[in-house]
Amino acid sequence: MTIRNLTQNTRIAGQAVRADTFLKRMQGLLGRASLATGEALVIAPCRSVHMLFMRFSIDVVFLDWSSRVVGLCADLQPFSFSPVFWKSACAIELPAGTIKKTNIRVGDNLSIK
């Protein structure tokens, strides 16, 4: 799947994978050593994430049901927790630095196809 920021007309990730079952959401990125530039994991449904037992930092973008950005967590460190974003329908986990590099802002409208 590809993730685009429709508000800014930019590409965020070209190799996104969906985790939309209990088992896929539970595994998430556990066991991976890194997340390469252009990769993403879309977790749905999701209002918060944890970094327990993770080996690397990530950026997380939270979207509501209309694919509007409702929360951002840049450089979320291993063994930490994101805030809960009550209006979130899904979370997009990205390599650390992606939020800054692609200038994602709260209120932006994203496309996941």
PDB file of N, CA and C in Angstrom:
ATOM      1  N   MET A   1       0.846  -1.182   0.000  1.00  0.00           N
ATOM      2  CA  MET A   1       0.000   0.000   0.000  1.00  0.00           C
ATOM      3  C   MET A   1       0.886   1.239   0.000  1.00  0.00           C
ATOM      4  N   THR A   2       0.315   2.329  -0.447  1.00  0.00           N
ATOM      5  CA  THR A   2       1.007   3.617  -0.460  1.00  0.00           C
ATOM      6  C   THR A   2       0.256   4.590   0.441  1.00  0.00           C
ATOM      7  N   ILE A   3       1.006   5.397   1.187  1.00  0.00           N
ATOM      8  CA  ILE A   3       0.407   6.415   2.055  1.00  0.00           C
ATOM      9  C   ILE A   3       0.830   7.777   1.532  1.00  0.00           C
ATOM     10  N   ARG A   4      -0.175   8.619   1.260  1.00  0.00           N
ATOM     11  CA  ARG A   4       0.086   9.967   0.752  1.00  0.00           C
ATOM     12  C   ARG A   4      -0.562  10.997   1.664  1.00  0.00           C
ATOM     13  N   ASN A   5       0.073  12.151   1.751  1.00  0.00           N
ATOM     14  CA  ASN A   5      -0.505  13.292   2.448  1.00  0.00           C
ATOM     15  C   ASN A   5      -1.210  14.115   1.385  1.00  0.00           C
ATOM     16  N   LEU A   6      -2.547  14.050   1.354  1.00  0.00           N
ATOM     17  CA  LEU A   6      -3.322  14.769   0.349  1.00  0.00           C
ATOM     18  C   LEU A   6      -3.297  16.269   0.571  1.00  0.00           C
ATOM     19  N   THR A   7      -3.173  16.696   1.806  1.00  0.00           N
ATOM     20  CA  THR A   7      -3.133  18.122   2.125  1.00  0.00           C
ATOM     21  C   THR A   7      -1.895  18.774   1.540  1.00  0.00           C
ATOM     22  N   GLN A   8      -0.768  18.084   1.614  1.00  0.00           N
ATOM     23  CA  GLN A   8       0.503  18.656   1.150  1.00  0.00           C
ATOM     24  C   GLN A   8       0.989  18.044  -0.167  1.00  0.00           C
ATOM     25  N   ASN A   9       0.217  17.097  -0.701  1.00  0.00           N
ATOM     26  CA  ASN A   9       0.561  16.406  -1.946  1.00  0.00           C
ATOM     27  C   ASN A   9       1.958  15.797  -1.892  1.00  0.00           C
ATOM     28  N   THR A  10       2.209  15.013  -0.822  1.00  0.00           N
ATOM     29  CA  THR A  10       3.498  14.346  -0.657  1.00  0.00           C
ATOM     30  C   THR A  10       3.285  12.860  -0.382  1.00  0.00           C
ATOM     31  N   ARG A  11       4.279  12.073  -0.720  1.00  0.00           N
ATOM     32  CA  ARG A  11       4.251  10.632  -0.441  1.00  0.00           C
ATOM     33  C   ARG A  11       4.957  10.383   0.889  1.00  0.00           C
ATOM     34  N   ILE A  12       4.316   9.627   1.762  1.00  0.00           N
ATOM     35  CA  ILE A  12       4.868   9.334   3.080  1.00  0.00           C
ATOM     36  C   ILE A  12       5.519   7.954   3.098  1.00  0.00           C
ATOM     37  N   ALA A  13       4.862   6.964   2.490  1.00  0.00           N
ATOM     38  CA  ALA A  13       5.402   5.598   2.457  1.00  0.00           C
ATOM     39  C   ALA A  13       4.899   4.883   1.213  1.00  0.00           C
ATOM     40  N   GLY A  14       5.768   4.088   0.627  1.00  0.00           N
ATOM     41  CA  GLY A  14       5.398   3.330  -0.558  1.00  0.00           C
ATOM     42  C   GLY A  14       5.239   1.852  -0.296  1.00  0.00           C
ATOM     43  N   GLN A  15       5.647   1.410   0.894  1.00  0.00           N
ATOM     44  CA  GLN A  15       5.564  -0.005   1.242  1.00  0.00           C
ATOM     45  C   GLN A  15       4.886  -0.158   2.598  1.00  0.00           C
ATOM     46  N   ALA A  16       3.597   0.109   2.625  1.00  0.00           N
ATOM     47  CA  ALA A  16       2.838   0.004   3.869  1.00  0.00           C
ATOM     48  C   ALA A  16       2.124  -1.339   3.928  1.00  0.00           C
ATOM     49  N   VAL A  17       2.070  -1.882   5.135  1.00  0.00           N
ATOM     50  CA  VAL A  17       1.398  -3.147   5.396  1.00  0.00           C
ATOM     51  C   VAL A  17       0.340  -2.901   6.459  1.00  0.00           C
ATOM     52  N   ARG A  18      -0.795  -3.569   6.331  1.00  0.00           N
ATOM     53  CA  ARG A  18      -1.897  -3.386   7.284  1.00  0.00           C
ATOM     54  C   ARG A  18      -1.874  -4.480   8.350  1.00  0.00           C
ATOM     55  N   ALA A  19      -2.037  -4.072   9.597  1.00  0.00           N
ATOM     56  CA  ALA A  19      -2.208  -5.006  10.722  1.00  0.00           C
ATOM     57  C   ALA A  19      -3.610  -4.765  11.261  1.00  0.00           C
ATOM     58  N   ASP A  20      -4.568  -5.572  10.792  1.00  0.00           N
ATOM     59  CA  ASP A  20      -5.961  -5.331  11.143  1.00  0.00           C
ATOM     60  C   ASP A  20      -6.653  -6.538  11.778  1.00  0.00           C
ATOM     61  N   THR A  21      -5.852  -7.521  12.192  1.00  0.00           N
ATOM     62  CA  THR A  21      -6.399  -8.631  12.969  1.00  0.00           C
ATOM     63  C   THR A  21      -5.755  -8.607  14.347  1.00  0.00           C
ATOM     64  N   PHE A  22      -6.352  -9.297  15.284  1.00  0.00           N
ATOM     65  CA  PHE A  22      -5.818  -9.309  16.642  1.00  0.00           C
ATOM     66  C   PHE A  22      -4.356  -9.750  16.656  1.00  0.00           C
ATOM     67  N   LEU A  23      -4.049 -10.849  15.971  1.00  0.00           N
ATOM     68  CA  LEU A  23      -2.679 -11.373  15.987  1.00  0.00           C
ATOM     69  C   LEU A  23      -1.688 -10.429  15.299  1.00  0.00           C
ATOM     70  N   LYS A  24      -2.072  -9.864  14.172  1.00  0.00           N
ATOM     71  CA  LYS A  24      -1.181  -8.938  13.456  1.00  0.00           C
ATOM     72  C   LYS A  24      -0.936  -7.668  14.277  1.00  0.00           C
ATOM     73  N   ARG A  25      -2.002  -7.170  14.932  1.00  0.00           N
ATOM     74  CA  ARG A  25      -1.835  -5.970  15.771  1.00  0.00           C
ATOM     75  C   ARG A  25      -0.963  -6.283  16.976  1.00  0.00           C
ATOM     76  N   MET A  26      -1.135  -7.467  17.559  1.00  0.00           N
ATOM     77  CA  MET A  26      -0.349  -7.838  18.733  1.00  0.00           C
ATOM     78  C   MET A  26       1.135  -7.962  18.378  1.00  0.00           C
ATOM     79  N   GLN A  27       1.447  -8.532  17.226  1.00  0.00           N
ATOM     80  CA  GLN A  27       2.843  -8.681  16.822  1.00  0.00           C
ATOM     81  C   GLN A  27       3.439  -7.341  16.408  1.00  0.00           C
ATOM     82  N   GLY A  28       2.712  -6.555  15.631  1.00  0.00           N
ATOM     83  CA  GLY A  28       3.209  -5.255  15.189  1.00  0.00           C
ATOM     84  C   GLY A  28       4.596  -5.348  14.589  1.00  0.00           C
ATOM     85  N   LEU A  29       5.507  -4.560  15.107  1.00  0.00           N
ATOM     86  CA  LEU A  29       6.890  -4.547  14.631  1.00  0.00           C
ATOM     87  C   LEU A  29       7.830  -5.361  15.520  1.00  0.00           C
ATOM     88  N   LEU A  30       7.268  -6.079  16.490  1.00  0.00           N
ATOM     89  CA  LEU A  30       8.111  -6.885  17.382  1.00  0.00           C
ATOM     90  C   LEU A  30       8.925  -7.890  16.584  1.00  0.00           C
ATOM     91  N   GLY A  31      10.168  -8.041  16.962  1.00  0.00           N
ATOM     92  CA  GLY A  31      11.055  -8.974  16.298  1.00  0.00           C
ATOM     93  C   GLY A  31      11.826  -8.371  15.142  1.00  0.00           C
ATOM     94  N   ARG A  32      11.451  -7.186  14.724  1.00  0.00           N
ATOM     95  CA  ARG A  32      12.176  -6.530  13.640  1.00  0.00           C
ATOM     96  C   ARG A  32      13.328  -5.718  14.209  1.00  0.00           C
ATOM     97  N   ALA A  33      14.388  -5.589  13.436  1.00  0.00           N
ATOM     98  CA  ALA A  33      15.558  -4.810  13.867  1.00  0.00           C
ATOM     99  C   ALA A  33      15.447  -3.360  13.440  1.00  0.00           C
ATOM    100  N   SER A  34      14.606  -3.071  12.436  1.00  0.00           N
ATOM    101  CA  SER A  34      14.453  -1.694  11.963  1.00  0.00           C
ATOM    102  C   SER A  34      13.237  -1.594  11.059  1.00  0.00           C
ATOM    103  N   LEU A  35      12.942  -0.375  10.686  1.00  0.00           N
ATOM    104  CA  LEU A  35      11.888  -0.061   9.723  1.00  0.00           C
ATOM    105  C   LEU A  35      12.546   0.832   8.686  1.00  0.00           C
ATOM    106  N   ALA A  36      12.633   0.373   7.450  1.00  0.00           N
ATOM    107  CA  ALA A  36      13.358   1.100   6.405  1.00  0.00           C
ATOM    108  C   ALA A  36      12.573   2.312   5.913  1.00  0.00           C
ATOM    109  N   THR A  37      13.282   3.272   5.351  1.00  0.00           N
ATOM    110  CA  THR A  37      12.653   4.432   4.733  1.00  0.00           C
ATOM    111  C   THR A  37      11.649   3.949   3.696  1.00  0.00           C
ATOM    112  N   GLY A  38      10.442   4.493   3.742  1.00  0.00           N
ATOM    113  CA  GLY A  38       9.399   4.098   2.802  1.00  0.00           C
ATOM    114  C   GLY A  38       8.501   2.994   3.302  1.00  0.00           C
ATOM    115  N   GLU A  39       8.878   2.337   4.412  1.00  0.00           N
ATOM    116  CA  GLU A  39       8.042   1.293   4.996  1.00  0.00           C
ATOM    117  C   GLU A  39       7.122   1.890   6.057  1.00  0.00           C
ATOM    118  N   ALA A  40       5.984   1.230   6.275  1.00  0.00           N
ATOM    119  CA  ALA A  40       5.045   1.653   7.308  1.00  0.00           C
ATOM    120  C   ALA A  40       4.186   0.474   7.724  1.00  0.00           C
ATOM    121  N   LEU A  41       3.691   0.528   8.950  1.00  0.00           N
ATOM    122  CA  LEU A  41       2.729  -0.447   9.440  1.00  0.00           C
ATOM    123  C   LEU A  41       1.477   0.328   9.847  1.00  0.00           C
ATOM    124  N   VAL A  42       0.345  -0.028   9.255  1.00  0.00           N
ATOM    125  CA  VAL A  42      -0.938   0.614   9.549  1.00  0.00           C
ATOM    126  C   VAL A  42      -1.702  -0.307  10.488  1.00  0.00           C
ATOM    127  N   ILE A  43      -1.940   0.146  11.712  1.00  0.00           N
ATOM    128  CA  ILE A  43      -2.612  -0.660  12.732  1.00  0.00           C
ATOM    129  C   ILE A  43      -4.033  -0.136  12.919  1.00  0.00           C
ATOM    130  N   ALA A  44      -5.015  -1.028  12.706  1.00  0.00           N
ATOM    131  CA  ALA A  44      -6.414  -0.608  12.833  1.00  0.00           C
ATOM    132  C   ALA A  44      -7.228  -1.731  13.468  1.00  0.00           C
ATOM    133  N   PRO A  45      -8.081  -1.397  14.430  1.00  0.00           N
ATOM    134  CA  PRO A  45      -8.220  -0.101  15.073  1.00  0.00           C
ATOM    135  C   PRO A  45      -7.086   0.139  16.065  1.00  0.00           C
ATOM    136  N   CYS A  46      -6.833   1.412  16.371  1.00  0.00           N
ATOM    137  CA  CYS A  46      -5.742   1.739  17.293  1.00  0.00           C
ATOM    138  C   CYS A  46      -5.885   3.166  17.800  1.00  0.00           C
ATOM    139  N   ARG A  47      -5.809   3.324  19.125  1.00  0.00           N
ATOM    140  CA  ARG A  47      -5.869   4.651  19.756  1.00  0.00           C
ATOM    141  C   ARG A  47      -4.575   5.022  20.466  1.00  0.00           C
ATOM    142  N   SER A  48      -3.701   4.028  20.676  1.00  0.00           N
ATOM    143  CA  SER A  48      -2.397   4.278  21.295  1.00  0.00           C
ATOM    144  C   SER A  48      -1.487   3.098  20.976  1.00  0.00           C
ATOM    145  N   VAL A  49      -0.189   3.299  21.138  1.00  0.00           N
ATOM    146  CA  VAL A  49       0.763   2.208  20.915  1.00  0.00           C
ATOM    147  C   VAL A  49       1.731   2.138  22.089  1.00  0.00           C
ATOM    148  N   HIS A  50       2.318   0.965  22.254  1.00  0.00           N
ATOM    149  CA  HIS A  50       3.377   0.807  23.246  1.00  0.00           C
ATOM    150  C   HIS A  50       4.627   0.343  22.520  1.00  0.00           C
ATOM    151  N   MET A  51       5.765   0.590  23.128  1.00  0.00           N
ATOM    152  CA  MET A  51       7.047   0.227  22.537  1.00  0.00           C
ATOM    153  C   MET A  51       7.764  -0.839  23.376  1.00  0.00           C
ATOM    154  N   LEU A  52       6.992  -1.605  24.153  1.00  0.00           N
ATOM    155  CA  LEU A  52       7.593  -2.646  24.988  1.00  0.00           C
ATOM    156  C   LEU A  52       8.306  -3.673  24.108  1.00  0.00           C
ATOM    157  N   PHE A  53       9.537  -3.972  24.459  1.00  0.00           N
ATOM    158  CA  PHE A  53      10.379  -4.966  23.787  1.00  0.00           C
ATOM    159  C   PHE A  53      10.792  -4.576  22.366  1.00  0.00           C
ATOM    160  N   MET A  54      10.582  -3.316  22.004  1.00  0.00           N
ATOM    161  CA  MET A  54      11.035  -2.836  20.694  1.00  0.00           C
ATOM    162  C   MET A  54      12.526  -2.523  20.764  1.00  0.00           C
ATOM    163  N   ARG A  55      13.198  -2.610  19.597  1.00  0.00           N
ATOM    164  CA  ARG A  55      14.641  -2.375  19.547  1.00  0.00           C
ATOM    165  C   ARG A  55      15.024  -1.086  18.851  1.00  0.00           C
ATOM    166  N   PHE A  56      14.035  -0.320  18.395  1.00  0.00           N
ATOM    167  CA  PHE A  56      14.337   0.916  17.671  1.00  0.00           C
ATOM    168  C   PHE A  56      13.197   1.916  17.845  1.00  0.00           C
ATOM    169  N   SER A  57      13.497   3.186  17.618  1.00  0.00           N
ATOM    170  CA  SER A  57      12.511   4.268  17.727  1.00  0.00           C
ATOM    171  C   SER A  57      11.689   4.359  16.451  1.00  0.00           C
ATOM    172  N   ILE A  58      10.463   4.874  16.582  1.00  0.00           N
ATOM    173  CA  ILE A  58       9.596   5.084  15.426  1.00  0.00           C
ATOM    174  C   ILE A  58       8.833   6.396  15.575  1.00  0.00           C
ATOM    175  N   ASP A  59       8.254   6.861  14.476  1.00  0.00           N
ATOM    176  CA  ASP A  59       7.264   7.929  14.492  1.00  0.00           C
ATOM    177  C   ASP A  59       5.899   7.271  14.341  1.00  0.00           C
ATOM    178  N   VAL A  60       4.881   7.850  14.979  1.00  0.00           N
ATOM    179  CA  VAL A  60       3.522   7.315  14.868  1.00  0.00           C
ATOM    180  C   VAL A  60       2.562   8.450  14.535  1.00  0.00           C
ATOM    181  N   VAL A  61       1.737   8.206  13.517  1.00  0.00           N
ATOM    182  CA  VAL A  61       0.707   9.160  13.096  1.00  0.00           C
ATOM    183  C   VAL A  61      -0.642   8.505  13.373  1.00  0.00           C
ATOM    184  N   PHE A  62      -1.519   9.204  14.082  1.00  0.00           N
ATOM    185  CA  PHE A  62      -2.846   8.700  14.414  1.00  0.00           C
ATOM    186  C   PHE A  62      -3.888   9.392  13.540  1.00  0.00           C
ATOM    187  N   LEU A  63      -4.769   8.584  12.915  1.00  0.00           N
ATOM    188  CA  LEU A  63      -5.805   9.104  12.026  1.00  0.00           C
ATOM    189  C   LEU A  63      -7.186   8.798  12.568  1.00  0.00           C
ATOM    190  N   ASP A  64      -8.140   9.706  12.303  1.00  0.00           N
ATOM    191  CA  ASP A  64      -9.531   9.426  12.652  1.00  0.00           C
ATOM    192  C   ASP A  64     -10.194   8.658  11.510  1.00  0.00           C
ATOM    193  N   TRP A  65     -11.494   8.424  11.622  1.00  0.00           N
ATOM    194  CA  TRP A  65     -12.216   7.621  10.623  1.00  0.00           C
ATOM    195  C   TRP A  65     -12.251   8.293   9.256  1.00  0.00           C
ATOM    196  N   SER A  66     -12.027   9.601   9.180  1.00  0.00           N
ATOM    197  CA  SER A  66     -12.027  10.290   7.886  1.00  0.00           C
ATOM    198  C   SER A  66     -10.604  10.479   7.353  1.00  0.00           C
ATOM    199  N   SER A  67      -9.637   9.781   7.950  1.00  0.00           N
ATOM    200  CA  SER A  67      -8.219   9.820   7.547  1.00  0.00           C
ATOM    201  C   SER A  67      -7.551  11.174   7.790  1.00  0.00           C
ATOM    202  N   ARG A  68      -8.062  11.894   8.772  1.00  0.00           N
ATOM    203  CA  ARG A  68      -7.464  13.170   9.174  1.00  0.00           C
ATOM    204  C   ARG A  68      -6.529  12.903  10.354  1.00  0.00           C
ATOM    205  N   VAL A  69      -5.357  13.522  10.338  1.00  0.00           N
ATOM    206  CA  VAL A  69      -4.368  13.350  11.416  1.00  0.00           C
ATOM    207  C   VAL A  69      -4.894  13.982  12.697  1.00  0.00           C
ATOM    208  N   VAL A  70      -5.002  13.167  13.759  1.00  0.00           N
ATOM    209  CA  VAL A  70      -5.478  13.658  15.053  1.00  0.00           C
ATOM    210  C   VAL A  70      -4.396  13.607  16.130  1.00  0.00           C
ATOM    211  N   GLY A  71      -3.250  12.992  15.815  1.00  0.00           N
ATOM    212  CA  GLY A  71      -2.169  12.924  16.790  1.00  0.00           C
ATOM    213  C   GLY A  71      -0.864  12.523  16.142  1.00  0.00           C
ATOM    214  N   LEU A  72       0.226  13.017  16.718  1.00  0.00           N
ATOM    215  CA  LEU A  72       1.569  12.732  16.233  1.00  0.00           C
ATOM    216  C   LEU A  72       2.480  12.389  17.398  1.00  0.00           C
ATOM    217  N   CYS A  73       3.292  11.362  17.228  1.00  0.00           N
ATOM    218  CA  CYS A  73       4.325  11.018  18.206  1.00  0.00           C
ATOM    219  C   CYS A  73       5.630  10.835  17.441  1.00  0.00           C
ATOM    220  N   ALA A  74       6.499  11.806  17.551  1.00  0.00           N
ATOM    221  CA  ALA A  74       7.785  11.740  16.855  1.00  0.00           C
ATOM    222  C   ALA A  74       8.824  11.083  17.753  1.00  0.00           C
ATOM    223  N   ASP A  75       9.628  10.204  17.163  1.00  0.00           N
ATOM    224  CA  ASP A  75      10.760   9.573  17.841  1.00  0.00           C
ATOM    225  C   ASP A  75      10.340   8.876  19.139  1.00  0.00           C
ATOM    226  N   LEU A  76       9.322   8.043  19.048  1.00  0.00           N
ATOM    227  CA  LEU A  76       8.861   7.270  20.202  1.00  0.00           C
ATOM    228  C   LEU A  76       9.914   6.195  20.503  1.00  0.00           C
ATOM    229  N   GLN A  77      10.446   6.230  21.701  1.00  0.00           N
ATOM    230  CA  GLN A  77      11.577   5.388  22.100  1.00  0.00           C
ATOM    231  C   GLN A  77      11.132   4.001  22.580  1.00  0.00           C
ATOM    232  N   PRO A  78      12.030   3.000  22.457  1.00  0.00           N
ATOM    233  CA  PRO A  78      11.723   1.673  22.986  1.00  0.00           C
ATOM    234  C   PRO A  78      11.335   1.736  24.469  1.00  0.00           C
ATOM    235  N   PHE A  79      10.408   0.870  24.856  1.00  0.00           N
ATOM    236  CA  PHE A  79       9.903   0.749  26.230  1.00  0.00           C
ATOM    237  C   PHE A  79       9.147   1.996  26.702  1.00  0.00           C
ATOM    238  N   SER A  80       8.552   2.730  25.765  1.00  0.00           N
ATOM    239  CA  SER A  80       7.721   3.879  26.126  1.00  0.00           C
ATOM    240  C   SER A  80       6.297   3.662  25.609  1.00  0.00           C
ATOM    241  N   PHE A  81       5.419   4.594  25.925  1.00  0.00           N
ATOM    242  CA  PHE A  81       4.009   4.526  25.536  1.00  0.00           C
ATOM    243  C   PHE A  81       3.610   5.838  24.875  1.00  0.00           C
ATOM    244  N   SER A  82       2.750   5.754  23.871  1.00  0.00           N
ATOM    245  CA  SER A  82       2.193   6.965  23.285  1.00  0.00           C
ATOM    246  C   SER A  82       1.028   7.432  24.152  1.00  0.00           C
ATOM    247  N   PRO A  83       0.636   8.701  23.999  1.00  0.00           N
ATOM    248  CA  PRO A  83      -0.623   9.119  24.626  1.00  0.00           C
ATOM    249  C   PRO A  83      -1.787   8.372  23.962  1.00  0.00           C
ATOM    250  N   VAL A  84      -2.941   8.390  24.583  1.00  0.00           N
ATOM    251  CA  VAL A  84      -4.154   7.836  23.984  1.00  0.00           C
ATOM    252  C   VAL A  84      -4.814   8.954  23.185  1.00  0.00           C
ATOM    253  N   PHE A  85      -5.102   8.674  21.932  1.00  0.00           N
ATOM    254  CA  PHE A  85      -5.810   9.624  21.068  1.00  0.00           C
ATOM    255  C   PHE A  85      -7.216   9.059  20.861  1.00  0.00           C
ATOM    256  N   TRP A  86      -8.170   9.574  21.654  1.00  0.00           N
ATOM    257  CA  TRP A  86      -9.512   9.005  21.717  1.00  0.00           C
ATOM    258  C   TRP A  86     -10.247   9.056  20.386  1.00  0.00           C
ATOM    259  N   LYS A  87      -9.933  10.008  19.528  1.00  0.00           N
ATOM    260  CA  LYS A  87     -10.614  10.121  18.234  1.00  0.00           C
ATOM    261  C   LYS A  87      -9.938   9.291  17.142  1.00  0.00           C
ATOM    262  N   SER A  88      -8.868   8.585  17.494  1.00  0.00           N
ATOM    263  CA  SER A  88      -8.105   7.827  16.505  1.00  0.00           C
ATOM    264  C   SER A  88      -8.809   6.539  16.090  1.00  0.00           C
ATOM    265  N   ALA A  89      -8.736   6.248  14.796  1.00  0.00           N
ATOM    266  CA  ALA A  89      -9.245   4.990  14.252  1.00  0.00           C
ATOM    267  C   ALA A  89      -8.096   4.055  13.902  1.00  0.00           C
ATOM    268  N   CYS A  90      -6.941   4.632  13.559  1.00  0.00           N
ATOM    269  CA  CYS A  90      -5.781   3.806  13.222  1.00  0.00           C
ATOM    270  C   CYS A  90      -4.498   4.564  13.520  1.00  0.00           C
ATOM    271  N   ALA A  91      -3.418   3.803  13.568  1.00  0.00           N
ATOM    272  CA  ALA A  91      -2.088   4.379  13.782  1.00  0.00           C
ATOM    273  C   ALA A  91      -1.189   3.920  12.646  1.00  0.00           C
ATOM    274  N   ILE A  92      -0.340   4.824  12.195  1.00  0.00           N
ATOM    275  CA  ILE A  92       0.643   4.493  11.169  1.00  0.00           C
ATOM    276  C   ILE A  92       2.018   4.584  11.806  1.00  0.00           C
ATOM    277  N   GLU A  93       2.721   3.452  11.873  1.00  0.00           N
ATOM    278  CA  GLU A  93       4.072   3.426  12.422  1.00  0.00           C
ATOM    279  C   GLU A  93       5.063   3.591  11.275  1.00  0.00           C
ATOM    280  N   LEU A  94       5.960   4.544  11.446  1.00  0.00           N
ATOM    281  CA  LEU A  94       6.906   4.946  10.407  1.00  0.00           C
ATOM    282  C   LEU A  94       8.319   5.002  10.965  1.00  0.00           C
ATOM    283  N   PRO A  95       9.331   4.979  10.115  1.00  0.00           N
ATOM    284  CA  PRO A  95      10.695   5.152  10.624  1.00  0.00           C
ATOM    285  C   PRO A  95      10.833   6.490  11.355  1.00  0.00           C
ATOM    286  N   ALA A  96      11.627   6.497  12.422  1.00  0.00           N
ATOM    287  CA  ALA A  96      11.861   7.742  13.175  1.00  0.00           C
ATOM    288  C   ALA A  96      12.381   8.810  12.225  1.00  0.00           C
ATOM    289  N   GLY A  97      11.852  10.016  12.362  1.00  0.00           N
ATOM    290  CA  GLY A  97      12.259  11.138  11.527  1.00  0.00           C
ATOM    291  C   GLY A  97      11.327  11.412  10.364  1.00  0.00           C
ATOM    292  N   THR A  98      10.390  10.498  10.092  1.00  0.00           N
ATOM    293  CA  THR A  98       9.484  10.661   8.955  1.00  0.00           C
ATOM    294  C   THR A  98       8.531  11.831   9.137  1.00  0.00           C
ATOM    295  N   ILE A  99       8.027  12.043  10.350  1.00  0.00           N
ATOM    296  CA  ILE A  99       7.098  13.154  10.592  1.00  0.00           C
ATOM    297  C   ILE A  99       7.773  14.474  10.243  1.00  0.00           C
ATOM    298  N   LYS A 100       8.983  14.666  10.722  1.00  0.00           N
ATOM    299  CA  LYS A 100       9.710  15.910  10.449  1.00  0.00           C
ATOM    300  C   LYS A 100      10.078  16.022   8.969  1.00  0.00           C
ATOM    301  N   LYS A 101      10.581  14.937   8.411  1.00  0.00           N
ATOM    302  CA  LYS A 101      11.041  14.924   7.017  1.00  0.00           C
ATOM    303  C   LYS A 101       9.909  15.220   6.033  1.00  0.00           C
ATOM    304  N   THR A 102       8.706  14.684   6.304  1.00  0.00           N
ATOM    305  CA  THR A 102       7.580  14.880   5.392  1.00  0.00           C
ATOM    306  C   THR A 102       6.628  15.980   5.848  1.00  0.00           C
ATOM    307  N   ASN A 103       6.949  16.624   6.975  1.00  0.00           N
ATOM    308  CA  ASN A 103       6.190  17.777   7.473  1.00  0.00           C
ATOM    309  C   ASN A 103       4.712  17.470   7.731  1.00  0.00           C
ATOM    310  N   ILE A 104       4.438  16.300   8.302  1.00  0.00           N
ATOM    311  CA  ILE A 104       3.058  15.924   8.627  1.00  0.00           C
ATOM    312  C   ILE A 104       2.577  16.789   9.789  1.00  0.00           C
ATOM    313  N   ARG A 105       1.355  17.290   9.690  1.00  0.00           N
ATOM    314  CA  ARG A 105       0.777  18.138  10.721  1.00  0.00           C
ATOM    315  C   ARG A 105      -0.599  17.612  11.146  1.00  0.00           C
ATOM    316  N   VAL A 106      -0.981  17.878  12.379  1.00  0.00           N
ATOM    317  CA  VAL A 106      -2.334  17.570  12.835  1.00  0.00           C
ATOM    318  C   VAL A 106      -3.309  18.328  11.932  1.00  0.00           C
ATOM    319  N   GLY A 107      -4.336  17.628  11.460  1.00  0.00           N
ATOM    320  CA  GLY A 107      -5.322  18.227  10.553  1.00  0.00           C
ATOM    321  C   GLY A 107      -5.098  17.834   9.095  1.00  0.00           C
ATOM    322  N   ASP A 108      -3.894  17.349   8.751  1.00  0.00           N
ATOM    323  CA  ASP A 108      -3.647  16.907   7.381  1.00  0.00           C
ATOM    324  C   ASP A 108      -4.539  15.711   7.060  1.00  0.00           C
ATOM    325  N   ASN A 109      -4.892  15.573   5.790  1.00  0.00           N
ATOM    326  CA  ASN A 109      -5.707  14.452   5.321  1.00  0.00           C
ATOM    327  C   ASN A 109      -4.820  13.479   4.565  1.00  0.00           C
ATOM    328  N   LEU A 110      -4.787  12.215   5.000  1.00  0.00           N
ATOM    329  CA  LEU A 110      -3.938  11.211   4.379  1.00  0.00           C
ATOM    330  C   LEU A 110      -4.768  10.216   3.573  1.00  0.00           C
ATOM    331  N   SER A 111      -4.113   9.568   2.617  1.00  0.00           N
ATOM    332  CA  SER A 111      -4.720   8.522   1.812  1.00  0.00           C
ATOM    333  C   SER A 111      -3.885   7.253   1.989  1.00  0.00           C
ATOM    334  N   ILE A 112      -4.567   6.131   2.245  1.00  0.00           N
ATOM    335  CA  ILE A 112      -3.902   4.837   2.368  1.00  0.00           C
ATOM    336  C   ILE A 112      -4.530   3.908   1.321  1.00  0.00           C
ATOM    337  N   LYS A 113      -3.766   3.591   0.291  1.00  0.00           N
ATOM    338  CA  LYS A 113      -4.291   2.722  -0.794  1.00  0.00           C
ATOM    339  C   LYS A 113      -3.259   1.697  -1.174  1.00  0.00           C
TER     340      LYS A 113
END
